[in-house]
Amino acid sequence: MNSGPGGAPDLRDGRAEPRGHVYADRQSRQGKARKIEFLLGGKEAIRGKDLLDLGSGAGLISEYFAGQGARVTAADRDPGMFGVDGIECSRIDGAALPFEDSSFDIVVFNHVIEHVGDRPAQRAMLVEIDRCLRPGGVLYLAVPNKWALIEPHYRLPLLGALPRGIADALVRRFRHQPDYDCYPFARGELLALVRERFRSVRDVSAEAFAFAVEHELKGPLRSLLGAVPQRVVSAARGMFPTLIVIAYKSDEQGHEG
């Protein structure tokens, strides 16, 4: 369920399921995991916590967090993709998550919600995540921006912003897939949907940008982007190719985590 190049339909019981989009490059996944860790508050915010990697794909993000001392559970609609020993990977079948209420301190939902289905399906998944989080628990959610100049899964310009019928036609014509199976967000849409379940929601896209500039870029590009004033970066969040929010579940007294 993680993002990556467009794949072929998964045929089960004679019908097409949402297509898998999986990254299995260790270096890029570990870099992504370090960014997630930073945005969640660093190693101390992870160590000793029950963490669900929801849409775990090959399992490299799960592996990283287990190495940082988290108690990691992975889940994916296709556990056969998972390749990390010593970590449980549960199968997701339909909208319900196979976990008890209040099972996790942290849920990492990294570039997965766009593959869940349309807005009602995405809303239902957030309800399930809320159910599985403990009071005071934290959700990390990253999703492609529908206004991204190049859509990340099919590498077509402005694909996420086009009407669904046009997007389907372009995917059929240029990527030989039956339809456009992703549902990305504009920034306002994402914040509104997450706030239906989580009263405290932080947009950390600007912090992620700063982390990427410092740790992932080199040379003139790093110098150029590093010189951009923070107020300009914050104002441009709605145009970033990836939108990232952290949401906090209320604790038992009704306070935010």
Protein backbone atom coordinates (compact mmCIF):
# COMPACT_ATOMS: atom_id res chain seq x y z
CA MET A 1 0.00 0.00 0.00
CA ASN A 2 2.98 2.35 -0.09
CA SER A 3 3.69 4.72 -2.94
CA GLY A 4 5.77 3.92 -5.97
CA PRO A 5 5.46 3.28 -9.70
CA GLY A 6 2.06 2.21 -10.99
CA GLY A 7 1.62 -1.55 -10.84
CA ALA A 8 -0.68 -4.08 -12.48
CA PRO A 9 -4.14 -4.84 -11.06
CA ASP A 10 -4.29 -7.39 -8.27
CA LEU A 11 -6.94 -9.86 -9.41
CA ARG A 12 -8.79 -11.69 -6.65
CA ASP A 13 -12.02 -13.62 -7.10
CA GLY A 14 -12.20 -12.37 -10.68
CA ARG A 15 -12.27 -8.66 -9.80
CA ALA A 16 -9.64 -5.96 -9.80
CA GLU A 17 -8.43 -4.70 -6.43
CA PRO A 18 -6.61 -1.37 -5.95
CA ARG A 19 -3.15 -1.67 -7.42
CA GLY A 20 -0.07 -1.92 -5.22
CA HIS A 21 2.50 0.89 -5.23
CA VAL A 22 5.58 -0.23 -3.30
CA TYR A 23 9.05 1.19 -2.78
CA ALA A 24 11.68 -1.38 -1.80
CA ASP A 25 14.84 0.76 -2.00
CA ARG A 26 16.53 0.50 1.40
CA GLN A 27 18.41 3.80 1.30
CA SER A 28 15.36 5.89 0.34
CA ARG A 29 13.11 4.11 2.84
CA GLN A 30 15.55 4.58 5.70
CA GLY A 31 15.90 8.24 4.80
CA LYS A 32 12.11 8.53 4.84
CA ALA A 33 11.98 6.79 8.22
CA ARG A 34 14.52 9.21 9.70
CA LYS A 35 12.41 12.12 8.50
CA ILE A 36 9.29 10.59 10.05
CA GLU A 37 11.17 10.05 13.30
CA PHE A 38 12.30 13.69 13.33
CA LEU A 39 8.78 14.98 12.70
CA LEU A 40 7.37 12.77 15.46
CA GLY A 41 9.79 14.29 17.96
CA GLY A 42 12.99 12.27 17.63
CA LYS A 43 14.22 8.94 18.95
CA GLU A 44 12.86 9.46 22.47
CA ALA A 45 9.36 9.87 21.07
CA ILE A 46 9.66 6.46 19.38
CA ARG A 47 11.58 4.27 21.81
CA GLY A 48 9.42 1.85 23.78
CA LYS A 49 6.21 2.82 21.96
CA ASP A 50 3.74 0.52 20.23
CA LEU A 51 3.90 1.64 16.61
CA LEU A 52 1.72 0.52 13.70
CA ASP A 53 3.25 0.86 10.23
CA LEU A 54 0.00 0.92 8.26
CA GLY A 55 0.57 0.07 4.61
CA SER A 56 4.00 -1.34 5.34
CA GLY A 57 4.88 -2.59 1.85
CA ALA A 58 8.30 -4.27 1.88
CA GLY A 59 8.76 -3.40 5.55
CA LEU A 60 11.85 -1.20 5.48
CA ILE A 61 10.26 1.60 7.50
CA SER A 62 9.05 -1.00 10.02
CA GLU A 63 12.59 -2.36 10.23
CA TYR A 64 14.02 1.10 10.93
CA PHE A 65 11.63 1.86 13.78
CA ALA A 66 12.14 -1.56 15.34
CA GLY A 67 15.86 -0.78 15.32
CA GLN A 68 15.13 2.44 17.23
CA GLY A 69 13.43 0.53 20.03
CA ALA A 70 9.75 0.75 19.02
CA ARG A 71 7.48 -2.28 19.32
CA VAL A 72 6.44 -2.43 15.69
CA THR A 73 3.42 -4.05 14.11
CA ALA A 74 3.08 -3.89 10.34
CA ALA A 75 -0.09 -4.18 8.29
CA ASP A 76 -0.75 -4.32 4.57
CA ARG A 77 -3.36 -5.69 2.19
CA ASP A 78 -0.59 -7.93 0.78
CA PRO A 79 1.68 -9.22 3.59
CA GLY A 80 3.52 -11.28 0.98
CA MET A 81 5.45 -8.14 0.05
CA PHE A 82 6.79 -7.84 3.60
CA GLY A 83 10.39 -9.01 3.96
CA VAL A 84 11.53 -8.23 7.52
CA ASP A 85 12.14 -11.03 10.01
CA GLY A 86 10.95 -10.66 13.58
CA ILE A 87 8.09 -8.24 12.87
CA GLU A 88 4.47 -9.28 12.55
CA CYS A 89 2.69 -8.16 9.37
CA SER A 90 -1.09 -8.42 9.54
CA ARG A 91 -3.36 -8.59 6.52
CA ILE A 92 -5.82 -5.76 5.92
CA ASP A 93 -9.04 -7.04 4.41
CA GLY A 94 -11.60 -4.34 3.69
CA ALA A 95 -12.11 -1.20 5.74
CA ALA A 96 -11.68 -2.67 9.24
CA LEU A 97 -8.26 -2.93 10.85
CA PRO A 98 -7.54 -6.27 12.58
CA PHE A 99 -6.57 -4.73 15.92
CA GLU A 100 -8.22 -4.14 19.29
CA ASP A 101 -9.27 -0.68 20.42
CA SER A 102 -6.43 1.46 21.85
CA SER A 103 -3.65 -0.86 20.65
CA PHE A 104 -1.03 1.69 19.54
CA ASP A 105 0.75 4.83 20.66
CA ILE A 106 1.76 5.80 17.10
CA VAL A 107 0.34 5.06 13.67
CA VAL A 108 2.56 5.79 10.66
CA PHE A 109 0.39 6.19 7.54
CA ASN A 110 2.97 7.17 4.95
CA HIS A 111 1.74 7.73 1.38
CA VAL A 112 -1.05 5.20 1.78
CA ILE A 113 -4.32 7.06 2.23
CA GLU A 114 -4.43 7.98 -1.47
CA HIS A 115 -4.62 4.24 -2.24
CA VAL A 116 -7.44 3.42 0.19
CA GLY A 117 -10.21 4.60 -2.15
CA ASP A 118 -12.42 7.65 -2.49
CA ARG A 119 -13.17 10.19 0.24
CA PRO A 120 -15.74 8.00 2.09
CA ALA A 121 -13.25 5.11 2.15
CA GLN A 122 -10.49 7.43 3.38
CA ARG A 123 -12.79 8.79 6.07
CA ALA A 124 -13.62 5.26 7.21
CA MET A 125 -9.92 4.42 7.48
CA LEU A 126 -9.29 7.46 9.68
CA VAL A 127 -12.13 6.31 11.94
CA GLU A 128 -10.38 2.94 12.27
CA ILE A 129 -7.03 4.56 12.99
CA ASP A 130 -8.64 6.70 15.68
CA ARG A 131 -10.16 3.58 17.22
CA CYS A 132 -6.82 1.76 17.30
CA LEU A 133 -4.88 4.66 18.83
CA ARG A 134 -4.59 4.97 22.59
CA PRO A 135 -5.66 8.20 24.30
CA GLY A 136 -2.90 10.71 23.63
CA GLY A 137 -1.73 8.70 20.61
CA VAL A 138 -0.23 10.19 17.46
CA LEU A 139 -0.96 9.76 13.75
CA TYR A 140 1.68 10.60 11.14
CA LEU A 141 0.04 11.02 7.74
CA ALA A 142 1.75 11.90 4.45
CA VAL A 143 -0.01 12.12 1.09
CA PRO A 144 0.77 13.50 -2.38
CA ASN A 145 -0.55 16.97 -3.15
CA LYS A 146 -3.19 16.81 -5.88
CA TRP A 147 -1.67 20.02 -7.30
CA ALA A 148 1.81 18.52 -7.68
CA LEU A 149 3.27 19.40 -11.06
CA ILE A 150 4.19 15.74 -11.65
CA GLU A 151 1.99 13.07 -10.09
CA PRO A 152 4.35 10.71 -8.22
CA HIS A 153 2.85 7.31 -9.05
CA TYR A 154 2.29 7.61 -12.80
CA ARG A 155 4.67 10.50 -13.52
CA LEU A 156 2.14 12.49 -15.54
CA PRO A 157 1.75 16.29 -15.20
CA LEU A 158 -1.06 17.52 -12.90
CA LEU A 159 -2.72 14.11 -13.01
CA GLY A 160 -4.07 14.35 -9.46
CA ALA A 161 -5.85 17.65 -10.14
CA LEU A 162 -7.65 16.53 -13.30
CA PRO A 163 -11.28 15.35 -13.41
CA ARG A 164 -11.43 11.62 -12.74
CA GLY A 165 -12.54 10.69 -16.27
CA ILE A 166 -9.68 12.60 -17.88
CA ALA A 167 -7.16 11.16 -15.41
CA ASP A 168 -8.42 7.63 -16.17
CA ALA A 169 -8.06 8.24 -19.90
CA LEU A 170 -4.49 9.51 -19.52
CA VAL A 171 -3.46 6.55 -17.38
CA ARG A 172 -4.94 4.15 -19.93
CA ARG A 173 -3.26 5.93 -22.83
CA PHE A 174 0.20 6.55 -21.41
CA ARG A 175 0.64 3.99 -18.61
CA HIS A 176 -1.50 1.10 -19.91
CA GLN A 177 -3.48 0.81 -16.69
CA PRO A 178 -7.28 0.61 -16.50
CA ASP A 179 -7.79 3.75 -14.42
CA TYR A 180 -6.22 6.29 -12.09
CA ASP A 181 -6.43 4.47 -8.76
CA CYS A 182 -5.15 7.24 -6.45
CA TYR A 183 -7.06 9.92 -4.53
CA PRO A 184 -4.61 12.67 -3.48
CA PHE A 185 -5.50 15.83 -1.57
CA ALA A 186 -5.23 19.57 -1.66
CA ARG A 187 -4.00 20.96 1.66
CA GLY A 188 -7.38 22.30 2.77
CA GLU A 189 -9.13 19.04 1.92
CA LEU A 190 -6.61 17.03 3.93
CA LEU A 191 -6.79 19.22 7.02
CA ALA A 192 -10.59 19.25 6.96
CA LEU A 193 -10.83 15.46 6.70
CA VAL A 194 -8.32 14.73 9.45
CA ARG A 195 -9.94 17.29 11.77
CA GLU A 196 -13.22 15.39 11.58
CA ARG A 197 -11.60 12.75 13.84
CA PHE A 198 -8.66 14.56 15.46
CA ARG A 199 -9.16 17.96 17.07
CA SER A 200 -5.44 18.72 17.25
CA VAL A 201 -3.77 18.58 13.82
CA ARG A 202 -0.40 20.10 12.84
CA ASP A 203 0.75 20.67 9.29
CA VAL A 204 4.45 19.80 9.43
CA SER A 205 5.15 20.06 5.70
CA ALA A 206 7.43 23.08 6.23
CA GLU A 207 9.44 21.23 8.89
CA ALA A 208 9.77 18.28 6.51
CA PHE A 209 11.03 20.65 3.81
CA ALA A 210 13.69 22.01 6.17
CA PHE A 211 14.76 18.49 7.14
CA ALA A 212 15.07 17.48 3.48
CA VAL A 213 17.15 20.54 2.65
CA GLU A 214 19.54 19.87 5.53
CA HIS A 215 19.85 16.10 5.28
CA GLU A 216 18.94 15.04 1.74
CA LEU A 217 20.21 17.76 -0.62
CA LYS A 218 23.73 18.69 -1.59
CA GLY A 219 25.59 21.40 -3.44
CA PRO A 220 24.06 24.56 -4.93
CA LEU A 221 20.46 23.35 -4.60
CA ARG A 222 20.89 22.88 -0.86
CA SER A 223 22.42 26.35 -0.54
CA LEU A 224 19.68 27.92 -2.64
CA LEU A 225 16.74 26.32 -0.85
CA GLY A 226 18.37 26.70 2.55
CA ALA A 227 18.41 30.46 2.04
CA VAL A 228 14.63 30.68 1.54
CA PRO A 229 13.09 32.48 4.56
CA GLN A 230 10.98 30.27 6.83
CA ARG A 231 7.94 32.52 6.41
CA VAL A 232 8.13 31.96 2.64
CA VAL A 233 8.43 28.21 3.09
CA SER A 234 5.41 28.17 5.42
CA ALA A 235 3.36 30.26 3.02
CA ALA A 236 4.14 27.83 0.19
CA ARG A 237 3.01 24.66 2.03
CA GLY A 238 -0.06 24.28 -0.16
CA MET A 239 2.18 23.86 -3.21
CA PHE A 240 4.55 21.24 -1.78
CA PRO A 241 4.43 17.92 -3.68
CA THR A 242 3.91 16.07 -0.39
CA LEU A 243 1.58 17.17 2.40
CA ILE A 244 2.36 15.94 5.92
CA VAL A 245 0.24 16.28 9.05
CA ILE A 246 0.56 14.98 12.59
CA ALA A 247 -2.69 14.45 14.46
CA TYR A 248 -3.13 13.85 18.18
CA LYS A 249 -5.88 11.82 19.78
CA SER A 250 -7.43 13.36 22.89
CA ASP A 251 -6.41 11.83 26.18
CA GLU A 252 -8.94 10.46 28.65
CA GLN A 253 -9.51 13.92 30.17
CA GLY A 254 -10.29 15.44 26.78
CA HIS A 255 -6.89 17.11 26.38
CA GLU A 256 -4.80 16.67 23.27
CA GLY A 257 -1.80 14.33 23.28
